[in-house]
Amino acid sequence: MPYQADETRYDSMPYRRSGRSGLKLPAVSLGIWYNFGGIDPLENARAMLRKAFDLGITHIDIANNYGPPPGSAEETFGRVFREDLAPYRDELVISNKAGYLMWPGPYGEWGSRKYLVASCDQSLKRTGLDYFDIFYSHRPDPDTPLEETMGALDFIVRSGRALYAGISTYSPQQTREAARILRELGTPCLIHQPRYNMFDRWIEDGLLDVLEEEGIGCIPFSPLAQGILTNKYIDQIPDDSRAARFDELFWGDSVTAERVAKVVELNKIAKARGQTMAQLAIAWTLRNPLITSALIGASRPEQIEDVVAALDHLDLSDEELQAIERILGT
């Protein structure tokens, strides 16, 4: 039976403006880094994308190398888009990124104009889209002039391959310079995608100030620390979890006894608020008005529902915030 989007999808999802731009994003966005690859069940990916849109999540975030294998998440999304979501294209914000290794040789990663434009073209083919709403430089390139990387983003926008330009994991100084270059080129930097959660707060040391000054939005990825800031690991590590598949998660994340002990204490605050641990982590991430959207991952539709339910209770009292700080500081 053909998919019909839920008619109530916009009734409760809040939308936040990205910096000083005209674009609003849902308070929760869906990233399809894991569980959407060629090794994953297509119908589960379809169910998650449908559920997200039915809940008002209009923003789907991809990257060229998502899978595994690299590129397969784009192909999965492309199939679901063609079969289910194509009638709603103008209601969707679909972002893509390039910067990490995608193919062998000197032109298969980093930030050269050659790589970014070629990668964008490949990603459009794999997804079957005519354009991306946002295209990011996925990481700064220490060996390519920033003017070249930002010039490539400007070209991608001006050529119609994308509507907006973004950057990811750039330092405060790099962000300020990138914003200057893009502004002078006439393609303002729309948004920055950094990593941010209760255990990784580097953006509070200068980056948020730069984003506010430059009028750039902020969409943190990994707000749940790859599942650590949920109820998942409180008792034991599930056999089907990402932590069970890797000795150490990305960015140095690991399920340590110290972190689990903190999550146990944080979960007490969540329970007192009538929330799950994941919902508390999302409310904490969104507490700052400079945050445009929290970018989540999921392995089941129910996880998306659980996170979106956090939006019903975002307010954190001064006492709760102080208690959270004490736990995180121990």
Protein backbone atom coordinates (compact mmCIF):
# COMPACT_ATOMS: atom_id res chain seq x y z
CA MET A 1 0.00 0.00 0.00
CA PRO A 2 1.47 3.42 -0.96
CA TYR A 3 2.86 5.43 1.93
CA GLN A 4 0.76 8.35 3.10
CA ALA A 5 2.41 10.72 5.56
CA ASP A 6 0.66 11.32 8.86
CA GLU A 7 -1.57 14.37 8.54
CA THR A 8 -0.67 15.47 12.08
CA ARG A 9 3.10 15.49 11.44
CA TYR A 10 3.44 19.24 12.01
CA ASP A 11 1.18 19.49 15.05
CA SER A 12 3.78 19.12 17.80
CA MET A 13 7.30 19.27 16.32
CA PRO A 14 8.99 22.62 17.09
CA TYR A 15 11.14 24.17 14.35
CA ARG A 16 14.12 26.40 15.06
CA ARG A 17 15.71 28.93 12.73
CA SER A 18 19.26 28.10 11.64
CA GLY A 19 21.26 31.10 12.78
CA ARG A 20 20.12 34.26 11.01
CA SER A 21 19.00 32.40 7.89
CA GLY A 22 15.46 31.89 6.65
CA LEU A 23 15.67 28.10 7.09
CA LYS A 24 14.05 26.36 10.03
CA LEU A 25 14.95 22.81 11.06
CA PRO A 26 13.07 20.41 13.34
CA ALA A 27 14.34 20.33 16.92
CA VAL A 28 15.31 16.70 16.25
CA SER A 29 16.86 15.60 12.96
CA LEU A 30 17.65 12.07 11.76
CA GLY A 31 21.14 11.03 10.68
CA ILE A 32 21.52 7.82 8.72
CA TRP A 33 25.12 6.97 9.52
CA TYR A 34 24.49 3.46 10.86
CA ASN A 35 21.66 0.95 10.28
CA PHE A 36 20.93 2.25 6.78
CA GLY A 37 23.80 0.54 4.93
CA GLY A 38 23.88 -2.29 2.45
CA ILE A 39 24.32 -4.82 5.27
CA ASP A 40 21.16 -3.64 7.07
CA PRO A 41 17.53 -4.67 6.46
CA LEU A 42 15.89 -2.31 3.98
CA GLU A 43 12.46 -2.53 5.59
CA ASN A 44 13.78 -1.40 8.96
CA ALA A 45 15.42 1.61 7.31
CA ARG A 46 12.17 2.34 5.51
CA ALA A 47 10.20 2.09 8.75
CA MET A 48 12.58 4.53 10.50
CA LEU A 49 12.43 7.09 7.69
CA ARG A 50 8.64 6.89 7.57
CA LYS A 51 8.35 7.18 11.35
CA ALA A 52 10.68 10.17 11.42
CA PHE A 53 8.69 12.07 8.81
CA ASP A 54 5.39 11.15 10.44
CA LEU A 55 6.71 12.74 13.64
CA GLY A 56 7.63 15.99 11.89
CA ILE A 57 11.33 15.25 11.37
CA THR A 58 11.78 16.95 8.03
CA HIS A 59 15.59 16.94 8.05
CA ILE A 60 17.55 13.84 6.99
CA ASP A 61 21.35 13.98 7.21
CA ILE A 62 23.62 11.76 5.11
CA ALA A 63 27.29 11.65 4.09
CA ASN A 64 29.01 10.10 1.10
CA ASN A 65 30.79 7.41 3.12
CA TYR A 66 27.87 6.28 5.31
CA GLY A 67 27.08 2.59 5.19
CA PRO A 68 28.72 0.16 5.39
CA PRO A 69 29.81 -0.22 2.65
CA PRO A 70 30.50 3.46 1.88
CA GLY A 71 27.79 4.96 -0.29
CA SER A 72 25.20 2.35 0.54
CA ALA A 73 23.28 4.54 3.01
CA GLU A 74 22.74 7.00 0.17
CA GLU A 75 21.47 4.18 -2.02
CA THR A 76 19.12 2.99 0.73
CA PHE A 77 17.80 6.51 1.22
CA GLY A 78 17.44 6.95 -2.52
CA ARG A 79 15.28 3.85 -2.81
CA VAL A 80 13.02 4.83 0.10
CA PHE A 81 12.81 8.36 -1.28
CA ARG A 82 11.70 7.15 -4.72
CA GLU A 83 9.18 4.68 -3.35
CA ASP A 84 7.80 6.65 -0.38
CA LEU A 85 9.00 10.21 0.09
CA ALA A 86 9.29 11.71 -3.40
CA PRO A 87 5.83 13.39 -3.24
CA TYR A 88 7.06 15.26 -0.15
CA ARG A 89 10.39 16.52 -1.54
CA ASP A 90 9.59 20.16 -0.93
CA GLU A 91 8.80 19.39 2.72
CA LEU A 92 12.19 17.77 3.27
CA VAL A 93 15.64 19.15 4.04
CA ILE A 94 18.21 16.61 2.90
CA SER A 95 21.85 17.28 3.70
CA ASN A 96 25.01 15.56 2.53
CA LYS A 97 28.70 15.82 3.37
CA ALA A 98 32.11 15.04 1.93
CA GLY A 99 35.54 15.08 3.52
CA TYR A 100 36.43 11.58 4.67
CA LEU A 101 37.90 8.75 2.59
CA MET A 102 35.54 7.65 -0.17
CA TRP A 103 37.70 6.26 -2.98
CA PRO A 104 41.42 5.48 -3.44
CA GLY A 105 43.99 7.91 -4.70
CA PRO A 106 44.79 11.55 -3.98
CA TYR A 107 41.33 12.88 -4.93
CA GLY A 108 39.21 10.63 -2.73
CA GLU A 109 39.09 12.56 0.54
CA TRP A 110 39.70 15.87 2.35
CA GLY A 111 38.77 19.29 0.99
CA SER A 112 39.97 19.96 -2.54
CA ARG A 113 37.58 21.39 -5.11
CA LYS A 114 38.21 18.26 -7.20
CA TYR A 115 37.05 15.94 -4.41
CA LEU A 116 34.10 17.95 -3.08
CA VAL A 117 32.48 18.56 -6.46
CA ALA A 118 33.04 14.99 -7.67
CA SER A 119 31.71 13.60 -4.40
CA CYS A 120 28.62 15.79 -4.56
CA ASP A 121 27.90 14.58 -8.08
CA GLN A 122 28.33 10.94 -7.05
CA SER A 123 26.07 11.43 -4.03
CA LEU A 124 23.34 12.99 -6.16
CA LYS A 125 23.45 9.95 -8.43
CA ARG A 126 23.32 7.46 -5.56
CA THR A 127 20.38 9.22 -3.90
CA GLY A 128 18.63 10.03 -7.16
CA LEU A 129 18.08 13.62 -6.05
CA ASP A 130 18.28 16.71 -8.23
CA TYR A 131 19.86 18.75 -5.44
CA PHE A 132 20.76 18.68 -1.75
CA ASP A 133 19.34 21.27 0.59
CA ILE A 134 22.62 21.51 2.53
CA PHE A 135 26.09 20.38 1.47
CA TYR A 136 28.88 20.29 4.07
CA SER A 137 32.62 20.22 4.16
CA HIS A 138 32.75 17.26 6.54
CA ARG A 139 36.10 18.18 8.09
CA PRO A 140 38.80 20.83 7.65
CA ASP A 141 41.71 19.93 5.41
CA PRO A 142 45.10 20.92 6.85
CA ASP A 143 46.76 20.80 3.42
CA THR A 144 44.21 22.60 1.25
CA PRO A 145 43.73 26.39 1.44
CA LEU A 146 40.46 27.21 3.14
CA GLU A 147 39.69 29.53 0.22
CA GLU A 148 39.65 26.50 -2.11
CA THR A 149 37.39 24.41 0.11
CA MET A 150 34.93 27.26 0.69
CA GLY A 151 35.14 28.16 -2.99
CA ALA A 152 34.07 24.62 -3.82
CA LEU A 153 31.05 24.94 -1.51
CA ASP A 154 30.19 28.25 -3.16
CA PHE A 155 30.40 26.60 -6.59
CA ILE A 156 28.22 23.69 -5.47
CA VAL A 157 25.54 26.14 -4.36
CA ARG A 158 25.81 28.44 -7.37
CA SER A 159 25.64 25.48 -9.76
CA GLY A 160 22.37 24.28 -8.24
CA ARG A 161 23.76 21.15 -6.65
CA ALA A 162 22.79 22.45 -3.19
CA LEU A 163 20.81 25.32 -1.69
CA TYR A 164 23.00 26.02 1.36
CA ALA A 165 26.60 25.49 2.49
CA GLY A 166 27.70 24.08 5.84
CA ILE A 167 30.80 22.97 7.69
CA SER A 168 31.43 20.23 10.24
CA THR A 169 33.96 19.81 13.06
CA TYR A 170 35.75 23.10 12.28
CA SER A 171 37.48 24.85 15.21
CA PRO A 172 36.29 28.29 16.35
CA GLN A 173 39.08 30.04 14.43
CA GLN A 174 38.53 27.93 11.30
CA THR A 175 34.79 28.57 11.53
CA ARG A 176 35.24 32.33 11.72
CA GLU A 177 37.56 32.32 8.71
CA ALA A 178 35.31 29.98 6.72
CA ALA A 179 32.34 32.22 7.46
CA ARG A 180 34.26 35.28 6.26
CA ILE A 181 35.27 33.64 3.00
CA LEU A 182 31.80 32.34 2.25
CA ARG A 183 30.21 35.68 3.10
CA GLU A 184 32.55 37.48 0.70
CA LEU A 185 31.75 34.92 -1.99
CA GLY A 186 28.03 35.58 -1.50
CA THR A 187 27.13 32.16 -0.13
CA PRO A 188 26.76 32.54 3.65
CA CYS A 189 27.61 29.63 5.92
CA LEU A 190 24.24 28.27 7.02
CA ILE A 191 25.17 25.80 9.75
CA HIS A 192 27.94 24.02 11.65
CA GLN A 193 27.70 20.35 12.59
CA PRO A 194 29.95 19.63 15.60
CA ARG A 195 29.98 16.76 18.05
CA TYR A 196 28.33 17.70 21.36
CA ASN A 197 26.88 15.86 24.31
CA MET A 198 27.16 15.71 28.11
CA PHE A 199 30.53 13.96 27.83
CA ASP A 200 31.96 16.06 25.00
CA ARG A 201 31.43 19.81 25.49
CA TRP A 202 34.22 21.32 23.42
CA ILE A 203 31.88 23.66 21.54
CA GLU A 204 31.25 25.58 24.77
CA ASP A 205 34.87 26.76 24.66
CA GLY A 206 34.52 29.40 21.95
CA LEU A 207 32.67 27.80 19.05
CA LEU A 208 29.16 28.72 20.20
CA ASP A 209 30.30 32.31 20.63
CA VAL A 210 31.58 32.39 17.04
CA LEU A 211 28.37 30.85 15.70
CA GLU A 212 26.28 33.45 17.51
CA GLU A 213 28.43 36.31 16.24
CA GLU A 214 28.40 35.02 12.67
CA GLY A 215 24.70 34.08 12.65
CA ILE A 216 25.41 30.42 11.92
CA GLY A 217 23.17 27.58 13.09
CA CYS A 218 24.41 24.62 15.13
CA ILE A 219 23.28 21.01 14.73
CA PRO A 220 25.23 18.75 17.12
CA PHE A 221 25.71 15.12 16.20
CA SER A 222 26.05 12.31 18.73
CA PRO A 223 23.91 14.00 21.42
CA LEU A 224 23.47 10.55 23.01
CA ALA A 225 27.21 9.73 22.86
CA GLN A 226 26.50 6.83 20.51
CA GLY A 227 24.00 5.33 22.91
CA ILE A 228 25.98 5.73 26.13
CA LEU A 229 23.58 8.46 27.31
CA THR A 230 20.59 6.11 27.20
CA ASN A 231 19.34 3.31 29.42
CA LYS A 232 21.03 0.80 27.12
CA TYR A 233 24.23 0.20 29.09
CA ILE A 234 23.05 0.73 32.66
CA ASP A 235 22.76 -2.99 33.44
CA GLN A 236 24.87 -4.67 30.75
CA ILE A 237 26.09 -4.28 27.18
CA PRO A 238 23.45 -5.76 24.83
CA ASP A 239 24.73 -8.24 22.27
CA ASP A 240 23.22 -6.23 19.39
CA SER A 241 24.57 -2.83 20.50
CA ARG A 242 27.31 -0.87 18.76
CA ALA A 243 29.49 -1.16 21.87
CA ALA A 244 29.34 -4.95 21.58
CA ARG A 245 30.54 -4.72 17.97
CA PHE A 246 33.51 -2.42 18.67
CA ASP A 247 36.06 -2.39 21.50
CA GLU A 248 35.98 1.39 21.30
CA LEU A 249 33.37 3.55 19.63
CA PHE A 250 34.32 6.46 17.40
CA TRP A 251 35.86 9.67 18.83
CA GLY A 252 37.31 7.70 21.74
CA ASP A 253 33.92 6.82 23.18
CA SER A 254 33.85 3.70 25.27
CA VAL A 255 31.41 2.22 27.75
CA THR A 256 33.52 2.57 30.90
CA ALA A 257 32.46 1.87 34.47
CA GLU A 258 32.98 5.56 35.30
CA ARG A 259 30.67 6.72 32.53
CA VAL A 260 28.02 4.12 33.31
CA ALA A 261 28.09 5.24 36.96
CA LYS A 262 27.41 8.82 35.86
CA VAL A 263 24.58 7.70 33.58
CA VAL A 264 23.02 5.80 36.49
CA GLU A 265 22.97 9.04 38.50
CA LEU A 266 21.75 11.10 35.56
CA ASN A 267 19.00 8.56 34.98
CA LYS A 268 17.67 9.30 38.46
CA ILE A 269 17.11 12.90 37.37
CA ALA A 270 15.45 11.67 34.18
CA LYS A 271 13.09 9.41 36.15
CA ALA A 272 12.16 12.25 38.48
CA ARG A 273 11.22 14.27 35.39
CA GLY A 274 9.20 11.39 33.96
CA GLN A 275 11.70 10.91 31.15
CA THR A 276 14.07 8.27 29.83
CA MET A 277 17.81 8.92 29.96
CA ALA A 278 17.85 9.61 26.20
CA GLN A 279 15.09 12.19 26.58
CA LEU A 280 17.01 13.98 29.33
CA ALA A 281 20.15 14.03 27.16
CA ILE A 282 18.20 15.59 24.28
CA ALA A 283 16.56 18.18 26.57
CA TRP A 284 20.02 19.07 27.92
CA THR A 285 21.43 19.45 24.39
CA LEU A 286 18.56 21.68 23.28
CA ARG A 287 18.66 23.84 26.42
CA ASN A 288 20.82 26.41 24.63
CA PRO A 289 18.87 28.55 22.13
CA LEU A 290 21.93 28.60 19.86
CA ILE A 291 21.34 24.90 19.13
CA THR A 292 19.21 24.58 16.01
CA SER A 293 18.58 20.84 16.10
CA ALA A 294 19.83 17.65 17.78
CA LEU A 295 21.00 15.14 15.17
CA ILE A 296 20.22 11.61 16.31
CA GLY A 297 20.84 8.12 14.98
CA ALA A 298 18.54 5.16 15.50
CA SER A 299 18.33 1.42 14.98
CA ARG A 300 14.54 1.08 15.43
CA PRO A 301 11.51 3.32 14.87
CA GLU A 302 10.70 3.11 18.58
CA GLN A 303 13.96 4.87 19.43
CA ILE A 304 12.97 7.82 17.26
CA GLU A 305 9.61 8.02 19.02
CA ASP A 306 11.33 7.96 22.41
CA VAL A 307 13.68 10.80 21.53
CA VAL A 308 10.97 12.97 19.98
CA ALA A 309 8.92 12.56 23.17
CA ALA A 310 11.64 14.57 24.94
CA LEU A 311 10.26 17.64 23.18
CA ASP A 312 7.20 17.50 25.43
CA HIS A 313 9.38 18.43 28.43
CA LEU A 314 12.43 20.48 27.44
CA ASP A 315 12.52 22.88 30.37
CA LEU A 316 15.30 22.19 32.86
CA SER A 317 15.24 23.95 36.23
CA ASP A 318 18.30 25.61 37.70
CA GLU A 319 18.36 22.89 40.36
CA GLU A 320 18.31 20.14 37.72
CA LEU A 321 21.07 21.79 35.71
CA GLN A 322 23.21 22.17 38.81
CA ALA A 323 22.65 18.52 39.73
CA ILE A 324 23.66 17.46 36.22
CA GLU A 325 26.83 19.54 36.45
CA ARG A 326 27.75 17.95 39.77
CA ILE A 327 27.34 14.46 38.32
CA LEU A 328 29.31 15.24 35.17
CA GLY A 329 32.07 16.88 37.20
CA THR A 330 32.64 13.92 39.51
